[in-house]
Protein backbone atom coordinates (compact mmCIF):
# COMPACT_ATOMS: atom_id res chain seq x y z
CA MET A 1 112.35 93.71 138.27
CA SER A 2 111.68 94.31 141.98
CA THR A 3 111.14 91.54 144.51
CA SER A 4 107.43 92.40 144.60
CA GLU A 5 106.99 91.69 140.88
CA SER A 6 106.47 88.29 139.35
CA THR A 7 107.36 86.98 135.93
CA PRO A 8 104.34 87.33 133.63
CA SER A 9 102.96 84.22 132.03
CA LEU A 10 102.38 84.15 128.27
CA PRO A 11 101.14 80.66 127.28
CA PHE A 12 100.95 81.89 123.68
CA LEU A 13 104.71 81.38 123.37
CA VAL A 14 104.34 77.78 124.54
CA GLU A 15 101.41 77.14 122.23
CA THR A 16 103.30 78.42 119.19
CA ASN A 17 106.44 76.35 119.79
CA ASP A 18 107.15 73.66 117.16
CA PRO A 19 109.02 70.60 118.48
CA GLN A 20 112.65 70.45 117.26
CA ALA A 21 112.31 73.79 115.48
CA GLU A 22 110.71 76.37 117.82
CA ASN A 23 109.58 78.68 114.98
CA ASN A 24 108.34 81.28 117.46
CA LEU A 25 111.44 83.21 118.52
CA TYR A 26 111.75 86.98 117.97
CA PRO A 27 107.96 87.43 117.73
CA PHE A 28 106.60 90.44 115.85
CA VAL A 29 105.13 92.90 118.37
CA PHE A 30 103.26 96.12 117.58
CA LEU A 31 101.63 98.69 119.86
CA TYR A 32 97.93 98.88 118.96
CA PRO A 33 96.47 102.42 119.08
CA ASP A 34 94.45 101.54 122.21
CA GLY A 35 97.59 100.62 124.16
CA ASN A 36 97.40 96.84 123.82
CA LEU A 37 99.97 94.69 122.03
CA PHE A 38 99.56 92.75 118.81
CA ILE A 39 101.88 89.73 119.05
CA PHE A 40 102.57 87.42 116.11
CA ALA A 41 104.59 84.20 116.50
CA ASN A 42 104.97 81.23 114.17
CA ASN A 43 101.76 81.45 112.11
CA ARG A 44 99.21 83.18 114.37
CA ALA A 45 98.65 86.18 116.59
CA ILE A 46 96.92 87.58 119.66
CA LEU A 47 95.94 90.98 121.05
CA PHE A 48 97.41 91.19 124.53
CA ASP A 49 96.68 93.52 127.45
CA TYR A 50 100.09 93.51 129.12
CA SER A 51 98.87 95.56 132.10
CA LYS A 52 96.38 92.83 133.06
CA ASN A 53 98.30 89.88 131.56
CA LEU A 54 95.18 89.07 129.53
CA VAL A 55 94.65 87.84 125.97
CA LEU A 56 91.86 90.00 124.51
CA LYS A 57 91.60 88.41 121.08
CA THR A 58 93.00 85.42 119.21
CA TYR A 59 93.38 85.98 115.50
CA PRO A 60 92.95 83.25 112.87
CA THR A 61 95.94 81.14 111.90
CA MET A 62 97.48 82.39 108.67
CA PRO A 63 96.20 80.27 105.75
CA GLY A 64 98.55 77.41 104.96
CA GLY A 65 99.83 77.30 108.53
CA GLN A 66 103.46 77.80 107.51
CA PRO A 67 105.86 79.26 110.11
CA ARG A 68 107.04 82.85 109.79
CA SER A 69 109.18 83.26 112.93
CA TYR A 70 112.78 82.32 113.72
CA PRO A 71 114.36 80.12 112.54
CA SER A 72 111.81 80.03 109.68
CA THR A 73 112.31 83.76 109.64
CA GLY A 74 109.95 86.07 107.80
CA SER A 75 109.39 89.72 108.65
CA ALA A 76 106.50 92.07 109.37
CA VAL A 77 105.39 95.70 109.48
CA LEU A 78 102.49 97.62 110.93
CA LEU A 79 101.15 99.35 107.83
CA PRO A 80 100.84 103.17 107.95
CA LEU A 81 98.42 104.50 110.57
CA ARG A 82 96.16 107.21 109.15
CA ILE A 83 95.03 109.53 111.92
CA LYS A 84 91.54 111.05 111.60
CA GLY A 85 90.67 113.41 114.41
CA GLU A 86 91.43 111.60 117.64
CA THR A 87 91.51 108.05 116.28
CA VAL A 88 93.01 105.58 113.82
CA ASN A 89 90.11 103.76 112.19
CA GLU A 90 92.01 100.99 110.40
CA VAL A 91 95.02 99.05 111.67
CA GLU A 92 96.68 96.52 109.36
CA VAL A 93 99.67 94.19 109.68
CA LEU A 94 101.66 92.68 106.82
CA VAL A 95 103.77 89.52 107.33
CA CYS A 96 105.99 88.31 104.46
CA GLY A 97 108.25 85.38 103.73
CA GLY A 98 109.54 82.61 105.95
CA ALA A 99 110.35 78.93 105.47
CA PRO A 100 108.08 75.87 105.25
CA LYS A 101 107.45 73.39 108.03
CA GLY A 102 110.38 71.04 108.46
CA ALA A 103 112.86 73.43 106.84
CA PHE A 104 114.94 73.86 110.00
CA VAL A 105 115.33 70.12 110.55
CA ASN A 106 116.11 69.62 106.87
CA ALA A 107 118.67 72.43 106.76
CA ASN A 108 120.58 70.80 109.61
CA LYS A 109 120.77 67.70 107.39
CA GLY A 110 122.06 69.69 104.43
CA ILE A 111 118.69 69.86 102.67
CA PHE A 112 117.72 73.46 101.94
CA ASP A 113 114.02 73.88 101.27
CA GLY A 114 112.79 76.79 99.16
CA ALA A 115 111.62 79.85 101.09
CA LEU A 116 108.00 80.98 101.22
CA ASP A 117 106.83 83.43 98.54
CA THR A 118 103.66 84.59 100.27
CA CYS A 119 102.59 87.51 102.43
CA GLY A 120 99.63 87.64 104.78
CA ARG A 121 97.80 90.92 105.35
CA ILE A 122 95.22 91.31 108.09
CA LYS A 123 93.09 94.26 109.22
CA ILE A 124 93.39 93.68 112.96
CA SER A 125 90.90 96.47 113.71
CA ASP A 126 88.03 94.59 112.03
CA PRO A 127 85.46 92.90 114.29
CA ASN A 128 86.06 89.64 112.42
CA PRO A 129 89.57 89.98 110.97
CA GLN A 130 90.75 87.57 108.28
CA TRP A 131 94.07 87.07 106.54
CA PHE A 132 94.36 88.03 102.88
CA MET A 133 97.22 86.22 101.12
CA GLU A 134 99.39 87.72 98.38
CA THR A 135 102.26 86.24 96.37
CA MET A 136 105.62 87.99 96.20
CA PRO A 137 107.61 88.00 92.95
CA LEU A 138 110.56 86.47 94.86
CA ALA A 139 110.53 83.89 97.66
CA ARG A 140 112.46 85.08 100.72
CA VAL A 141 113.57 83.96 104.16
CA MET A 142 115.49 86.30 106.51
CA GLY A 143 114.24 89.34 104.59
CA ASP A 144 113.96 92.77 106.20
CA MET A 145 110.83 94.91 105.84
CA LEU A 146 111.16 98.67 106.17
CA LEU A 147 108.52 101.40 106.02
CA LEU A 148 109.44 104.17 103.60
CA PRO A 149 108.32 107.78 104.21
CA ASN A 150 105.69 107.63 101.43
CA GLY A 151 104.01 104.62 103.07
CA HIS A 152 105.49 101.98 100.76
CA VAL A 153 107.22 98.92 102.21
CA LEU A 154 110.72 97.84 101.18
CA ILE A 155 111.45 94.09 101.34
CA ILE A 156 115.21 93.54 101.15
CA ASN A 157 118.03 91.12 102.08
CA GLY A 158 117.63 87.43 102.81
CA ALA A 159 117.85 84.12 100.98
CA SER A 160 115.60 81.95 98.83
CA ALA A 161 116.38 78.63 100.53
CA GLY A 162 117.12 77.27 104.00
CA VAL A 163 116.46 79.02 107.31
CA ALA A 164 118.03 81.47 109.73
CA GLY A 165 120.90 80.28 111.90
CA TRP A 166 124.55 79.38 111.58
CA GLU A 167 125.32 78.16 108.02
CA LEU A 168 121.67 77.30 107.31
CA GLY A 169 120.70 79.72 104.50
CA ARG A 170 121.35 79.37 100.77
CA ASN A 171 120.83 81.31 97.53
CA PRO A 172 120.86 84.99 98.56
CA VAL A 173 118.10 87.20 97.17
CA LEU A 174 119.91 90.23 95.75
CA SER A 175 116.88 92.13 94.41
CA PRO A 176 114.73 94.18 96.81
CA VAL A 177 110.99 94.40 96.27
CA ALA A 178 108.76 97.43 96.86
CA TYR A 179 105.22 96.86 98.17
CA ARG A 180 102.63 99.59 97.63
CA PRO A 181 99.82 98.85 100.09
CA ASP A 182 97.28 101.22 98.50
CA ASN A 183 97.61 99.81 94.98
CA GLN A 184 95.12 97.35 93.55
CA VAL A 185 95.71 93.66 94.29
CA GLY A 186 98.02 92.30 91.62
CA SER A 187 99.95 95.55 91.21
CA ARG A 188 101.38 96.04 94.68
CA PHE A 189 104.81 94.39 94.26
CA GLU A 190 107.64 95.71 92.10
CA VAL A 191 111.15 94.23 91.88
CA GLN A 192 113.90 96.82 92.36
CA ASN A 193 117.49 97.02 91.09
CA PRO A 194 119.73 94.36 92.68
CA SER A 195 122.76 94.62 94.92
CA THR A 196 125.88 92.54 94.31
CA ILE A 197 126.47 91.76 98.00
CA PRO A 198 124.74 88.79 99.68
CA ARG A 199 122.97 89.88 102.87
CA VAL A 200 121.80 86.77 104.69
CA TYR A 201 121.70 85.96 108.43
CA HIS A 202 122.38 88.97 110.70
CA SER A 203 121.77 91.62 108.04
CA THR A 204 120.03 94.89 108.80
CA THR A 205 118.47 98.02 107.31
CA VAL A 206 117.55 101.49 108.55
CA LEU A 207 115.85 104.52 107.00
CA LEU A 208 118.01 107.62 106.60
CA ARG A 209 116.87 111.24 106.86
CA ASP A 210 117.28 111.85 103.13
CA GLY A 211 115.03 108.90 102.25
CA ARG A 212 117.76 106.44 101.37
CA VAL A 213 118.03 103.09 103.14
CA LEU A 214 121.27 102.06 104.85
CA VAL A 215 121.96 98.34 104.39
CA GLY A 216 124.60 96.38 106.26
CA GLY A 217 125.69 93.20 107.92
CA SER A 218 125.51 89.49 107.05
CA ASN A 219 127.26 86.93 109.18
CA PRO A 220 125.98 83.34 109.11
CA HIS A 221 128.92 82.13 111.24
CA ASP A 222 129.41 81.89 114.98
CA LYS A 223 132.51 84.11 114.60
CA TYR A 224 133.96 86.37 111.92
CA GLU A 225 134.86 84.34 108.80
CA PHE A 226 136.27 86.23 105.81
CA SER A 227 137.56 83.44 103.58
CA ASN A 228 136.96 79.82 102.59
CA VAL A 229 133.26 80.00 103.41
CA LEU A 230 130.17 80.20 101.20
CA TYR A 231 129.04 83.62 102.50
CA PRO A 232 131.88 85.52 104.22
CA THR A 233 131.24 87.86 107.11
CA GLU A 234 130.24 91.18 105.57
CA LEU A 235 131.31 94.41 107.28
CA SER A 236 130.47 96.78 104.44
CA LEU A 237 127.62 99.27 104.33
CA GLU A 238 125.72 100.35 101.23
CA THR A 239 122.72 102.56 100.55
CA PHE A 240 119.63 101.68 98.56
CA SER A 241 117.87 104.57 96.83
CA PRO A 242 114.11 104.01 96.38
CA SER A 243 112.56 105.09 93.10
CA TYR A 244 111.31 108.36 94.62
CA LEU A 245 114.93 109.56 94.59
CA ASP A 246 115.20 109.24 90.81
CA SER A 247 116.37 112.48 89.23
CA ASN A 248 113.22 112.65 87.10
CA SER A 249 111.22 113.11 90.30
CA SER A 250 113.19 116.13 91.49
CA GLY A 251 110.55 118.56 90.22
CA LEU A 252 107.95 116.95 92.48
CA ARG A 253 110.13 116.72 95.60
CA PRO A 254 109.10 119.09 98.42
CA LYS A 255 111.53 120.63 100.86
CA ILE A 256 110.65 121.51 104.43
CA ILE A 257 111.82 125.06 105.21
CA LEU A 258 109.97 125.42 108.50
CA PRO A 259 108.68 122.91 111.11
CA VAL A 260 106.24 124.09 101.80
CA THR A 261 108.01 123.31 98.92
CA ASN A 262 109.82 124.03 95.65
CA SER A 263 108.21 123.81 92.20
CA VAL A 264 104.53 123.45 91.40
CA VAL A 265 102.59 121.42 93.97
CA ASP A 266 99.24 119.66 93.66
CA LEU A 267 97.77 120.56 97.05
CA SER A 268 95.36 117.61 96.92
CA SER A 269 98.33 115.23 96.75
CA VAL A 270 100.21 116.44 99.83
CA SER A 271 100.49 114.54 103.10
CA VAL A 272 102.71 114.70 106.15
CA THR A 273 104.17 111.53 107.65
CA MET A 274 106.13 110.77 110.79
CA VAL A 275 108.39 107.71 110.97
CA ALA A 276 109.66 106.32 114.27
CA PRO A 277 113.30 105.18 113.90
CA SER A 278 113.68 101.43 114.15
CA PHE A 279 116.22 99.11 115.72
CA ASN A 280 116.71 95.77 114.06
CA THR A 281 117.63 92.20 114.86
CA HIS A 282 116.82 88.90 113.19
CA SER A 283 114.89 90.45 110.28
CA PHE A 284 112.51 92.52 112.41
CA SER A 285 112.67 96.30 112.81
CA MET A 286 111.31 97.06 116.26
CA ASN A 287 109.80 100.43 117.18
CA GLN A 288 109.03 100.96 113.47
CA ARG A 289 105.89 103.01 112.97
CA LEU A 290 104.62 105.35 110.27
CA LEU A 291 101.91 107.91 111.00
CA VAL A 292 99.96 109.85 108.37
CA LEU A 293 99.00 113.05 110.18
CA ASP A 294 95.49 114.49 110.02
CA GLY A 295 94.89 117.72 108.13
CA GLY A 296 97.51 117.60 105.40
CA ALA A 297 94.95 118.57 102.76
CA ALA A 298 94.54 121.98 104.48
CA SER A 299 97.33 123.47 102.37
CA LYS A 300 97.59 126.94 100.87
CA ILE A 301 99.92 128.96 98.72
CA ILE A 302 101.80 131.63 100.67
CA GLY A 303 104.28 132.74 98.04
CA ARG A 304 106.10 131.72 94.90
CA SER A 305 106.97 128.03 95.29
CA ARG A 306 106.06 128.30 98.98
CA TYR A 307 103.16 126.45 100.56
CA GLN A 308 101.84 126.04 104.06
CA VAL A 309 100.64 122.62 105.23
CA VAL A 310 98.74 122.50 108.51
CA VAL A 311 98.52 119.19 110.35
CA ARG A 312 97.52 118.08 113.83
CA ALA A 313 99.93 116.41 116.22
CA PRO A 314 99.14 112.78 117.07
CA PRO A 315 96.45 112.68 119.76
CA SER A 316 97.95 110.15 122.19
CA GLY A 317 101.05 108.31 123.28
CA ASN A 318 99.52 105.02 122.22
CA ILE A 319 99.30 106.26 118.64
CA ALA A 320 102.67 108.04 118.78
CA PRO A 321 104.81 106.89 121.72
CA ALA A 322 107.14 109.53 123.15
CA GLY A 323 110.46 109.88 121.36
CA ASN A 324 112.11 111.14 118.20
CA TYR A 325 110.54 110.87 114.75
CA LEU A 326 111.51 111.76 111.21
CA MET A 327 108.86 114.03 109.66
CA PHE A 328 108.38 114.16 105.89
CA VAL A 329 106.17 116.12 103.54
CA VAL A 330 105.04 113.79 100.73
CA HIS A 331 103.88 115.09 97.35
CA LYS A 332 102.53 112.55 94.82
CA GLU A 333 104.37 109.79 96.72
CA ILE A 334 107.66 111.74 96.54
CA PRO A 335 108.92 112.57 100.07
CA SER A 336 110.95 115.56 101.11
CA PRO A 337 114.12 115.06 103.12
CA GLY A 338 113.07 114.43 106.70
CA ILE A 339 113.50 116.62 109.74
CA TRP A 340 113.76 115.37 113.31
CA VAL A 341 110.85 116.16 115.62
CA GLN A 342 110.14 115.01 119.15
CA MET A 343 106.96 113.73 120.74
CA GLN A 344 106.77 114.12 124.51
């Protein structure tokens, strides 16, 4: 920062602070397609024009008023952005998990409250946006949420009691959950096969080019502790394979041969997605963004088991900020391996 610049003021972070607990650290921030910032902290959110240091909109408090930010750590994603022409008509955010009010104070006394089992979903592009609440099959605090190339959301890692922080979480949640945002209410969540390794505070996930998810970390101690503790420091890595990698889906899986596919393809069920690679801390994957490109239905057969899919590049840097992306062709919710592309 130069000497001519001043520190911006954001009273929102003061307003969302809970005495003795904070519950507003590591806020969830997403770039809105018009260039403003959606900022969620604790249990509520604003739309912020950072260039003018101006709050443009205050969203309703999430029903129930329970905290979702560190140390009552939930997680959040910006749901897939579907580009139509030059715009994105609908913008939705999903916030899941967390810990109830008082959980941080209680955990420091050795009382570990059960985690929250709810998600809040809000269409922030609506003129009068409202939260819609859904119940997860498993309560979770310190969970990670990751966008998969077919637009589903993976909810993984975390604990079912306590809060984030040194020695303050209990009862690891070993089973991931898949969330399918386009399914009917009541059929969006599906429990996945469990891991055997607890991944609590300081765990992380990242999407790989082949569609697997790399999972690592877990260290609820202020230094490395490998023995005589409830949850030892975990240095291992493992991969989670979403259901679209099942061998019985291999006949549906496309393969990109130019920047088109094997086997028989239903051209009406083809889309092209771009996923911005994320970087993660404290259960939030920053920079994460999934774009569904316009024009994927304009497909045609150009040879035996070869198809051409024509899509348009994202129209602006606010919809697709400059940088590297993984591009996937998705057929009947089964993604191809990704290829790296660059937006400038």
